């Protein structure tokens, strides 16, 4: 199947993907917000209990996505949040409201608690709702668990977003 996007649309898609990739780690979201508040990077590293190397890797990822900036002539300067970074932060703050996170998170936590991860021997005996018992390998149990959790999450999302 051929890509139906124009060259300009592909550039936009890559740009968006790069931005989301840079924001794809919780530490980078927090880091971006703390930098926006004017905190120094080493102060943030201490606050997040992060090594210098880990901090630098996160900062590099944000800089490569043009969300933050640091003058290469004066690396002792604080990192500055770029206008794109400010805009992204404003959009991120809207996401919980747009996604109804106040409803989804508690519902998802209940679903996941209902289907605990299997920790133990390679084989486990499971009783299905019908009461029929059978033996199942850990891999199959985990896959069945994930599918059931996802099914219930989809039902919840369908109710919330309809």
Protein backbone atom coordinates (compact mmCIF):
# COMPACT_ATOMS: atom_id res chain seq x y z
CA UNK A 1 0.00 0.00 0.00
CA UNK A 2 1.46 3.32 -1.05
CA UNK A 3 1.70 6.21 1.40
CA UNK A 4 -1.06 8.69 0.58
CA UNK A 5 0.69 11.65 2.22
CA UNK A 6 2.22 14.46 0.22
CA UNK A 7 5.91 15.28 0.85
CA UNK A 8 4.88 18.23 3.05
CA UNK A 9 2.50 16.03 5.06
CA UNK A 10 5.28 13.47 5.56
CA UNK A 11 7.58 16.24 6.86
CA UNK A 12 4.88 17.30 9.33
CA UNK A 13 4.31 13.71 10.41
CA UNK A 14 8.05 13.21 11.01
CA UNK A 15 8.22 16.50 12.93
CA UNK A 16 5.32 15.48 15.17
CA UNK A 17 6.81 12.01 15.68
CA UNK A 18 10.17 13.54 16.67
CA UNK A 19 8.46 15.85 19.17
CA UNK A 20 6.43 13.04 20.73
CA UNK A 21 9.51 10.82 20.82
CA UNK A 22 11.34 13.51 22.80
CA UNK A 23 8.43 13.67 25.23
CA UNK A 24 8.07 9.89 25.43
CA UNK A 25 9.70 9.59 28.85
CA UNK A 26 8.07 10.86 32.05
CA UNK A 27 11.37 12.34 33.26
CA UNK A 28 11.61 14.51 30.14
CA UNK A 29 8.11 15.87 30.65
CA UNK A 30 8.99 16.82 34.23
CA UNK A 31 12.36 18.16 33.10
CA UNK A 32 10.79 20.39 30.45
CA UNK A 33 8.30 21.77 32.96
CA UNK A 34 10.97 22.46 35.59
CA UNK A 35 13.21 24.16 33.02
CA UNK A 36 10.24 26.31 32.01
CA UNK A 37 9.88 27.30 35.68
CA UNK A 38 13.49 28.55 35.52
CA UNK A 39 15.23 25.83 37.51
CA UNK A 40 18.86 24.99 36.78
CA UNK A 41 19.60 21.57 35.32
CA UNK A 42 21.74 20.39 38.25
CA UNK A 43 19.03 21.47 40.69
CA UNK A 44 16.58 19.39 38.64
CA UNK A 45 18.95 16.39 38.60
CA UNK A 46 19.11 16.50 42.37
CA UNK A 47 15.33 16.88 42.67
CA UNK A 48 14.70 13.94 40.32
CA UNK A 49 17.54 11.87 41.83
CA UNK A 50 19.13 11.58 38.40
CA UNK A 51 22.78 11.07 37.46
CA UNK A 52 24.57 13.66 35.36
CA UNK A 53 24.73 11.25 32.44
CA UNK A 54 21.01 10.47 32.55
CA UNK A 55 20.20 14.17 32.85
CA UNK A 56 22.40 14.99 29.86
CA UNK A 57 20.79 12.26 27.76
CA UNK A 58 17.33 13.67 28.52
CA UNK A 59 18.47 17.24 27.84
CA UNK A 60 20.02 16.17 24.51
CA UNK A 61 16.77 14.50 23.46
CA UNK A 62 14.81 17.69 24.26
CA UNK A 63 17.38 19.85 22.47
CA UNK A 64 17.33 17.64 19.36
CA UNK A 65 13.57 18.15 19.18
CA UNK A 66 14.05 21.93 19.45
CA UNK A 67 12.10 22.10 22.71
CA UNK A 68 14.98 23.60 24.72
CA UNK A 69 18.16 25.50 23.90
CA UNK A 70 21.52 26.25 25.45
CA UNK A 71 24.10 28.69 24.11
CA UNK A 72 27.00 26.51 22.92
CA UNK A 73 29.40 29.40 23.62
CA UNK A 74 28.43 29.40 27.30
CA UNK A 75 27.48 25.88 28.45
CA UNK A 76 27.31 27.09 32.05
CA UNK A 77 24.12 28.96 31.15
CA UNK A 78 20.75 27.56 32.07
CA UNK A 79 18.81 25.67 29.48
CA UNK A 80 16.03 27.76 28.02
CA UNK A 81 12.68 26.45 26.87
CA UNK A 82 12.12 27.33 23.21
CA UNK A 83 8.80 28.80 22.04
CA UNK A 84 7.94 25.37 20.61
CA UNK A 85 8.61 23.86 24.05
CA UNK A 86 6.30 26.42 25.69
CA UNK A 87 3.53 25.63 23.21
CA UNK A 88 3.98 21.89 23.75
CA UNK A 89 3.82 22.36 27.53
CA UNK A 90 0.54 24.26 27.22
CA UNK A 91 -0.89 21.48 25.06
CA UNK A 92 0.31 18.78 27.48
CA UNK A 93 -1.47 20.46 30.38
CA UNK A 94 -4.74 20.11 28.42
CA UNK A 95 -4.32 16.40 27.72
CA UNK A 96 -5.63 15.07 31.06
CA UNK A 97 -8.85 17.05 30.60
CA UNK A 98 -9.23 16.10 26.95
CA UNK A 99 -8.66 12.41 27.71
CA UNK A 100 -10.88 12.38 30.81
CA UNK A 101 -7.90 11.11 32.82
CA UNK A 102 -9.81 11.66 36.07
CA UNK A 103 -12.19 8.90 34.94
CA UNK A 104 -9.81 6.67 33.01
CA UNK A 105 -6.98 6.29 35.51
CA UNK A 106 -9.10 4.99 38.43
CA UNK A 107 -11.02 2.69 36.08
CA UNK A 108 -7.80 1.30 34.57
CA UNK A 109 -6.26 0.79 38.02
CA UNK A 110 -9.30 -1.26 39.09
CA UNK A 111 -9.13 -3.36 35.93
CA UNK A 112 -5.41 -4.04 36.30
CA UNK A 113 -5.82 -4.93 40.00
CA UNK A 114 -8.50 -7.43 39.01
CA UNK A 115 -6.03 -9.27 36.77
CA UNK A 116 -2.73 -9.41 38.68
CA UNK A 117 0.45 -10.35 36.89
CA UNK A 118 1.42 -13.97 37.42
CA UNK A 119 4.52 -14.33 39.54
CA UNK A 120 5.55 -17.89 40.22
CA UNK A 121 6.02 -21.24 38.58
CA UNK A 122 6.03 -21.75 34.84
CA UNK A 123 2.60 -23.37 34.91
CA UNK A 124 -0.43 -22.12 36.78
CA UNK A 125 -3.93 -23.51 37.32
CA UNK A 126 -6.64 -21.04 36.36
CA UNK A 127 -10.40 -21.22 36.84
CA UNK A 128 -12.41 -19.64 34.05
CA UNK A 129 -15.70 -17.86 34.78
CA UNK A 130 -17.55 -21.01 33.73
CA UNK A 131 -15.83 -22.86 36.56
CA UNK A 132 -13.83 -25.10 34.26
CA UNK A 133 -10.24 -25.35 35.43
CA UNK A 134 -7.20 -25.98 33.28
CA UNK A 135 -3.44 -25.68 33.32
CA UNK A 136 -1.82 -22.91 31.35
CA UNK A 137 1.74 -21.77 30.70
CA UNK A 138 2.86 -18.42 32.04
CA UNK A 139 3.23 -17.00 28.53
CA UNK A 140 -0.31 -17.91 27.58
CA UNK A 141 -1.63 -16.66 30.91
CA UNK A 142 0.08 -13.29 30.47
CA UNK A 143 -1.21 -12.95 26.90
CA UNK A 144 -4.77 -13.87 27.95
CA UNK A 145 -4.51 -11.44 30.88
CA UNK A 146 -3.33 -8.60 28.62
CA UNK A 147 -6.13 -9.28 26.15
CA UNK A 148 -8.78 -9.29 28.90
CA UNK A 149 -7.39 -6.11 30.46
CA UNK A 150 -7.34 -4.40 27.06
CA UNK A 151 -10.90 -5.55 26.30
CA UNK A 152 -12.16 -4.08 29.57
CA UNK A 153 -10.19 -0.85 29.01
CA UNK A 154 -11.70 -0.51 25.54
CA UNK A 155 -15.21 -0.92 27.00
CA UNK A 156 -14.50 1.79 29.60
CA UNK A 157 -13.10 4.15 26.95
CA UNK A 158 -16.11 3.49 24.74
CA UNK A 159 -18.44 4.55 27.55
CA UNK A 160 -16.41 7.64 28.48
CA UNK A 161 -15.89 8.92 24.93
CA UNK A 162 -19.33 8.16 23.54
